[in-house]
């Protein structure tokens, strides 16, 4: 563990303010990915002719962030139970190895669990109001999303430990776009799912590359995702495969007429992630060197939905 990065980790002394302590326990740096996905969903709804409602948009965004925060906090609790985060000596804070709030004594395991439950409860309570003004379809989006978020980390399913974590991430972030669109449109439509596919796949690569620094700790704890199952150099090709699938999803959406031709310009978001893949191929077995690659992957996962949302809004009703 890099001593400079270790010095940035949370401590009870530095986080004396309880409010700040609990906010940072949600890993807020990652929540902006959900914000970007919601903005893409709002854009697909407006492009499809929906009247934009600010109140519904703000509630949708808040609930999506609460759900993501709850999933992050629950993941920290579950990784405490299985010992993964305690074993992790190759982590690159703040990107991998969890929030360190339990390991560094900032919050107790019970406090983290109760906080996760509170975040899920707040999401459900707010979701009931949103259902009343949007339509029953949002119920199924919320139910599937929260179920996946729980099953990703928590026993007995622990889906990430069974090699389907990336599929969970793709599904979950597709639901972010689809849910944001539905909250505005009040009906099902194909556009948010087609526009959301490349975004969700690039977010899956955030999870994928983050697993390299965590690999040895995850293997010791029985978290057998694909990065843990394969040798590092072979596992690096998985990142490229997901990257290729994301490109196919975008190009396929354009060729099918679901997305405007201008959406091809979003391929510029692949520049940082291709650079990240080259770094991963070089340093797959030396995960301490992957900080830049992780940052580039995060950049691409944010850039794509924001660029695509802007292009959709500027293209108007192209369908």
Protein backbone atom coordinates (compact mmCIF):
# COMPACT_ATOMS: atom_id res chain seq x y z
CA UNK A 1 0.00 0.00 0.00
CA UNK A 2 1.38 3.37 -1.04
CA UNK A 3 2.04 5.37 2.18
CA UNK A 4 0.97 8.60 0.47
CA UNK A 5 -2.40 7.09 -0.42
CA UNK A 6 -2.74 5.54 3.04
CA UNK A 7 -2.41 9.00 4.56
CA UNK A 8 -5.52 10.07 2.62
CA UNK A 9 -7.69 7.34 4.12
CA UNK A 10 -10.42 8.34 6.60
CA UNK A 11 -9.73 8.53 10.31
CA UNK A 12 -12.02 9.24 13.22
CA UNK A 13 -9.88 12.22 14.24
CA UNK A 14 -10.19 13.94 10.85
CA UNK A 15 -13.90 13.18 10.53
CA UNK A 16 -15.18 14.47 13.85
CA UNK A 17 -18.33 15.90 12.23
CA UNK A 18 -20.93 13.08 12.16
CA UNK A 19 -22.69 14.45 9.08
CA UNK A 20 -19.47 14.62 7.06
CA UNK A 21 -18.53 11.18 8.33
CA UNK A 22 -21.71 9.57 7.06
CA UNK A 23 -21.69 11.43 3.73
CA UNK A 24 -18.14 10.30 2.98
CA UNK A 25 -19.01 6.74 3.98
CA UNK A 26 -21.19 6.55 0.85
CA UNK A 27 -18.11 6.96 -1.40
CA UNK A 28 -19.55 10.12 -3.00
CA UNK A 29 -16.81 10.30 -5.64
CA UNK A 30 -18.49 7.39 -7.44
CA UNK A 31 -22.05 8.74 -7.17
CA UNK A 32 -21.47 11.18 -10.02
CA UNK A 33 -21.64 8.22 -12.41
CA UNK A 34 -25.29 7.82 -11.41
CA UNK A 35 -25.85 11.55 -11.86
CA UNK A 36 -24.54 11.27 -15.43
CA UNK A 37 -26.82 8.30 -16.12
CA UNK A 38 -29.87 10.19 -14.87
CA UNK A 39 -29.03 13.13 -17.12
CA UNK A 40 -28.87 10.75 -20.08
CA UNK A 41 -32.28 9.33 -19.12
CA UNK A 42 -33.78 12.81 -18.88
CA UNK A 43 -32.36 13.60 -22.33
CA UNK A 44 -33.87 10.48 -23.93
CA UNK A 45 -37.26 11.35 -22.45
CA UNK A 46 -37.18 14.94 -23.73
CA UNK A 47 -35.96 13.76 -27.13
CA UNK A 48 -38.95 11.40 -27.22
CA UNK A 49 -41.33 14.29 -26.69
CA UNK A 50 -41.89 14.13 -22.93
CA UNK A 51 -42.56 17.36 -21.07
CA UNK A 52 -39.71 17.85 -18.61
CA UNK A 53 -40.80 18.06 -14.97
CA UNK A 54 -38.22 19.57 -12.63
CA UNK A 55 -39.82 18.22 -9.47
CA UNK A 56 -39.88 14.64 -10.77
CA UNK A 57 -36.35 15.05 -12.10
CA UNK A 58 -34.95 16.21 -8.76
CA UNK A 59 -36.72 13.43 -6.84
CA UNK A 60 -35.55 10.85 -9.37
CA UNK A 61 -31.98 12.05 -9.10
CA UNK A 62 -32.09 12.07 -5.29
CA UNK A 63 -33.52 8.54 -5.15
CA UNK A 64 -30.98 7.21 -7.64
CA UNK A 65 -28.14 8.70 -5.58
CA UNK A 66 -29.60 7.33 -2.33
CA UNK A 67 -29.89 3.86 -3.88
CA UNK A 68 -26.31 3.97 -5.18
CA UNK A 69 -25.09 5.21 -1.80
CA UNK A 70 -26.93 2.41 -0.01
CA UNK A 71 -25.43 -0.18 -2.33
CA UNK A 72 -21.94 1.21 -1.69
CA UNK A 73 -22.42 1.16 2.10
CA UNK A 74 -23.87 -2.35 2.04
CA UNK A 75 -20.90 -3.49 -0.05
CA UNK A 76 -18.54 -2.13 2.60
CA UNK A 77 -20.39 -4.02 5.31
CA UNK A 78 -20.39 -7.28 3.36
CA UNK A 79 -16.69 -6.95 2.49
CA UNK A 80 -16.06 -6.49 6.20
CA UNK A 81 -17.92 -9.72 6.95
CA UNK A 82 -15.94 -11.76 4.45
CA UNK A 83 -12.65 -10.10 5.40
CA UNK A 84 -11.83 -8.78 1.94
CA UNK A 85 -11.16 -5.17 2.87
CA UNK A 86 -9.16 -6.11 5.97
CA UNK A 87 -6.87 -8.29 3.83
CA UNK A 88 -6.42 -5.73 1.08
CA UNK A 89 -2.85 -4.41 1.03
CA UNK A 90 -2.68 -3.56 -2.69
CA UNK A 91 -5.62 -1.16 -2.72
CA UNK A 92 -5.49 2.19 -4.49
CA UNK A 93 -7.44 4.53 -2.26
CA UNK A 94 -10.02 5.98 -2.84
CA UNK A 95 -10.79 3.86 -5.89
CA UNK A 96 -10.43 0.31 -4.57
CA UNK A 97 -10.44 -1.53 -1.27
CA UNK A 98 -13.69 -0.05 0.02
CA UNK A 99 -14.25 3.14 1.99
CA UNK A 100 -12.01 1.94 4.89
CA UNK A 101 -14.50 3.36 7.40
CA UNK A 102 -14.84 0.07 9.28
CA UNK A 103 -11.18 -0.96 8.99
CA UNK A 104 -9.97 2.45 10.24
CA UNK A 105 -12.46 2.61 13.11
CA UNK A 106 -14.41 5.60 11.77
CA UNK A 107 -17.71 3.71 11.97
CA UNK A 108 -18.55 0.40 13.60
CA UNK A 109 -19.86 -2.49 11.48
CA UNK A 110 -23.28 -2.07 13.12
CA UNK A 111 -23.35 1.62 12.28
CA UNK A 112 -22.49 0.87 8.65
CA UNK A 113 -25.21 -1.79 8.41
CA UNK A 114 -27.84 0.48 9.96
CA UNK A 115 -26.80 3.28 7.63
CA UNK A 116 -27.23 1.00 4.61
CA UNK A 117 -30.69 -0.02 5.82
CA UNK A 118 -31.63 3.64 6.35
CA UNK A 119 -30.51 4.56 2.84
CA UNK A 120 -32.51 1.71 1.30
CA UNK A 121 -35.55 2.65 3.40
CA UNK A 122 -35.33 6.28 2.31
CA UNK A 123 -35.09 5.17 -1.32
CA UNK A 124 -38.19 3.01 -0.98
CA UNK A 125 -40.16 5.74 0.81
CA UNK A 126 -39.33 8.33 -1.83
CA UNK A 127 -39.99 5.83 -4.56
CA UNK A 128 -43.56 5.35 -3.37
CA UNK A 129 -44.26 9.05 -3.93
CA UNK A 130 -42.62 8.99 -7.34
CA UNK A 131 -44.72 5.97 -8.30
CA UNK A 132 -47.87 7.94 -7.52
CA UNK A 133 -47.04 10.60 -10.11
CA UNK A 134 -45.32 8.55 -12.83
CA UNK A 135 -46.84 5.10 -13.20
CA UNK A 136 -46.54 1.52 -12.04
CA UNK A 137 -43.73 0.67 -14.45
CA UNK A 138 -41.30 2.50 -12.20
CA UNK A 139 -42.07 -0.03 -9.45
CA UNK A 140 -40.45 -2.83 -11.42
CA UNK A 141 -37.42 -0.71 -12.30
CA UNK A 142 -36.91 0.15 -8.63
CA UNK A 143 -37.55 -3.38 -7.41
CA UNK A 144 -35.07 -4.95 -9.83
CA UNK A 145 -32.48 -2.26 -9.15
CA UNK A 146 -32.57 -2.58 -5.37
CA UNK A 147 -32.63 -6.38 -5.57
CA UNK A 148 -29.54 -6.41 -7.75
CA UNK A 149 -27.84 -3.91 -5.44
CA UNK A 150 -28.48 -6.16 -2.45
CA UNK A 151 -27.67 -9.44 -4.19
CA UNK A 152 -24.41 -8.09 -5.64
CA UNK A 153 -22.69 -8.15 -2.23
CA UNK A 154 -24.91 -9.75 0.39
CA UNK A 155 -25.17 -13.43 1.25
CA UNK A 156 -26.50 -15.84 0.27
CA UNK A 157 -26.31 -14.75 -3.39
CA UNK A 158 -23.12 -12.61 -3.44
CA UNK A 159 -23.36 -12.35 -7.21
CA UNK A 160 -20.02 -10.61 -7.69
CA UNK A 161 -18.32 -13.56 -6.02
CA UNK A 162 -19.93 -15.85 -8.61
CA UNK A 163 -18.59 -14.09 -11.68
CA UNK A 164 -21.66 -12.06 -12.64
CA UNK A 165 -20.78 -8.75 -11.00
CA UNK A 166 -20.23 -7.01 -14.33
CA UNK A 167 -23.65 -8.19 -15.53
CA UNK A 168 -25.16 -6.74 -12.33
CA UNK A 169 -23.48 -3.40 -13.00
CA UNK A 170 -24.64 -3.29 -16.62
CA UNK A 171 -28.21 -4.10 -15.58
CA UNK A 172 -28.19 -1.67 -12.67
CA UNK A 173 -26.93 1.31 -14.64
CA UNK A 174 -29.24 0.54 -17.55
CA UNK A 175 -32.03 0.81 -15.00
CA UNK A 176 -30.72 4.23 -13.95
CA UNK A 177 -31.18 5.52 -17.50
CA UNK A 178 -34.44 3.67 -18.03
CA UNK A 179 -35.82 4.82 -14.68
CA UNK A 180 -34.92 8.46 -15.25
CA UNK A 181 -36.59 8.33 -18.66
CA UNK A 182 -39.71 6.60 -17.30
CA UNK A 183 -40.08 9.12 -14.47
CA UNK A 184 -40.40 11.86 -17.11
CA UNK A 185 -42.20 9.98 -19.88
CA UNK A 186 -44.54 7.84 -17.73
CA UNK A 187 -44.30 5.01 -20.26
CA UNK A 188 -41.88 2.43 -21.63
CA UNK A 189 -39.74 3.32 -24.64
CA UNK A 190 -36.76 1.61 -26.34
CA UNK A 191 -34.54 4.71 -26.62
CA UNK A 192 -33.27 4.91 -23.01
CA UNK A 193 -32.23 1.26 -23.05
CA UNK A 194 -30.44 1.57 -26.39
CA UNK A 195 -28.75 4.83 -25.41
CA UNK A 196 -27.93 3.48 -21.97
CA UNK A 197 -26.24 0.28 -23.13
CA UNK A 198 -22.81 1.74 -24.06
CA UNK A 199 -22.84 3.84 -20.88
CA UNK A 200 -23.66 0.85 -18.67
CA UNK A 201 -20.91 -1.22 -20.29
CA UNK A 202 -18.29 1.48 -19.69
CA UNK A 203 -19.41 1.66 -16.05
CA UNK A 204 -18.92 -2.12 -15.86
CA UNK A 205 -15.31 -1.55 -16.88
CA UNK A 206 -14.91 0.70 -13.83
CA UNK A 207 -15.76 -2.31 -11.66
CA UNK A 208 -13.62 -4.57 -13.82
CA UNK A 209 -10.40 -2.58 -13.60
CA UNK A 210 -10.91 -1.84 -9.90
CA UNK A 211 -10.78 -5.56 -9.23
CA UNK A 212 -7.13 -5.84 -10.24
CA UNK A 213 -5.71 -4.09 -7.13
CA UNK A 214 -8.23 -6.03 -5.02
CA UNK A 215 -7.50 -9.37 -6.71
CA UNK A 216 -5.36 -11.09 -4.08
CA UNK A 217 -7.58 -10.05 -1.18
CA UNK A 218 -10.69 -11.12 -3.11
CA UNK A 219 -9.20 -14.51 -3.93
CA UNK A 220 -8.32 -15.09 -0.28
CA UNK A 221 -11.90 -14.22 0.70
CA UNK A 222 -13.57 -16.40 -1.92
CA UNK A 223 -14.74 -13.52 -4.11
CA UNK A 224 -14.18 -15.32 -7.39
CA UNK A 225 -15.04 -12.76 -10.03
CA UNK A 226 -13.33 -13.17 -13.40
CA UNK A 227 -10.31 -11.04 -12.53
CA UNK A 228 -9.74 -13.35 -9.56
CA UNK A 229 -10.28 -16.53 -11.59
CA UNK A 230 -7.98 -15.66 -14.48
CA UNK A 231 -4.30 -14.83 -14.53
CA UNK A 232 -3.85 -11.04 -14.58
CA UNK A 233 -2.57 -10.84 -18.16
CA UNK A 234 -5.45 -12.95 -19.45
CA UNK A 235 -7.97 -11.03 -17.35
CA UNK A 236 -6.82 -7.76 -18.93
CA UNK A 237 -8.41 -8.87 -22.20
CA UNK A 238 -11.80 -8.84 -20.48
CA UNK A 239 -11.57 -5.07 -20.24
CA UNK A 240 -11.03 -4.87 -23.98
CA UNK A 241 -13.99 -7.17 -24.62
CA UNK A 242 -16.33 -4.98 -22.57
CA UNK A 243 -14.94 -1.93 -24.35
CA UNK A 244 -15.68 -3.54 -27.73
CA UNK A 245 -19.22 -4.47 -26.67
CA UNK A 246 -19.83 -0.86 -25.65
CA UNK A 247 -18.66 0.36 -29.07
CA UNK A 248 -20.88 -2.17 -30.83
CA UNK A 249 -23.85 -1.03 -28.73
CA UNK A 250 -23.31 2.59 -29.73
CA UNK A 251 -22.69 1.91 -33.43
CA UNK A 252 -25.60 -0.54 -33.52
CA UNK A 253 -27.90 2.11 -32.09
CA UNK A 254 -26.84 4.55 -34.81
CA UNK A 255 -27.11 2.03 -37.67
CA UNK A 256 -30.56 0.95 -36.49
CA UNK A 257 -31.76 4.55 -36.53
CA UNK A 258 -32.44 4.59 -32.79
CA UNK A 259 -29.65 7.13 -32.25
CA UNK A 260 -28.80 10.11 -34.49
CA UNK A 261 -25.77 9.91 -36.75
CA UNK A 262 -24.16 12.61 -34.65
CA UNK A 263 -23.97 10.09 -31.80
CA UNK A 264 -20.95 8.59 -33.54
CA UNK A 265 -19.08 11.58 -32.16
CA UNK A 266 -19.44 10.02 -28.71
CA UNK A 267 -16.72 7.58 -29.74
CA UNK A 268 -14.31 10.28 -28.59
CA UNK A 269 -15.05 8.98 -25.08
CA UNK A 270 -13.23 5.78 -26.07
CA UNK A 271 -9.89 7.63 -26.24
CA UNK A 272 -9.25 7.64 -22.46
CA UNK A 273 -10.55 4.13 -22.00
CA UNK A 274 -8.36 2.73 -24.83
CA UNK A 275 -5.40 4.40 -23.12
CA UNK A 276 -6.54 2.79 -19.87
CA UNK A 277 -6.65 -0.62 -21.53
CA UNK A 278 -3.09 -0.20 -22.75
CA UNK A 279 -2.03 0.66 -19.21
CA UNK A 280 -3.91 -2.36 -17.88
CA UNK A 281 -2.23 -4.70 -20.35
CA UNK A 282 1.11 -3.34 -19.24
CA UNK A 283 0.52 -3.36 -15.47
CA UNK A 284 -2.09 -6.10 -14.94
CA UNK A 285 0.33 -8.02 -12.72
CA UNK A 286 1.50 -4.85 -10.95
CA UNK A 287 -1.83 -3.39 -9.80
CA UNK A 288 -0.21 -0.63 -7.74
CA UNK A 289 0.54 1.08 -11.08
CA UNK A 290 -3.08 1.23 -12.23
CA UNK A 291 -4.19 4.53 -10.66
CA UNK A 292 -3.99 6.40 -13.98
CA UNK A 293 -5.86 3.66 -15.83
CA UNK A 294 -8.63 3.73 -13.22
CA UNK A 295 -8.96 7.52 -13.54
CA UNK A 296 -9.13 7.28 -17.33
CA UNK A 297 -11.82 4.60 -17.07
CA UNK A 298 -13.85 6.82 -14.76
CA UNK A 299 -13.42 9.75 -17.13
CA UNK A 300 -14.83 7.74 -20.04
CA UNK A 301 -17.77 6.45 -17.99
CA UNK A 302 -18.72 10.06 -17.20
CA UNK A 303 -17.96 11.57 -20.60
CA UNK A 304 -20.04 9.16 -22.68
CA UNK A 305 -23.47 9.76 -21.06
CA UNK A 306 -22.93 13.52 -20.84
CA UNK A 307 -21.85 13.78 -24.49
CA UNK A 308 -24.65 11.52 -25.68
CA UNK A 309 -27.24 13.47 -23.67
CA UNK A 310 -26.04 16.72 -25.23
CA UNK A 311 -26.13 15.25 -28.75
CA UNK A 312 -29.66 13.90 -28.25
CA UNK A 313 -30.93 17.26 -27.03
CA UNK A 314 -29.22 19.17 -29.84
CA UNK A 315 -30.47 16.69 -32.46
CA UNK A 316 -34.07 17.19 -31.38
CA UNK A 317 -36.76 14.78 -32.58
CA UNK A 318 -34.63 12.84 -35.07
CA UNK A 319 -36.86 9.75 -35.04
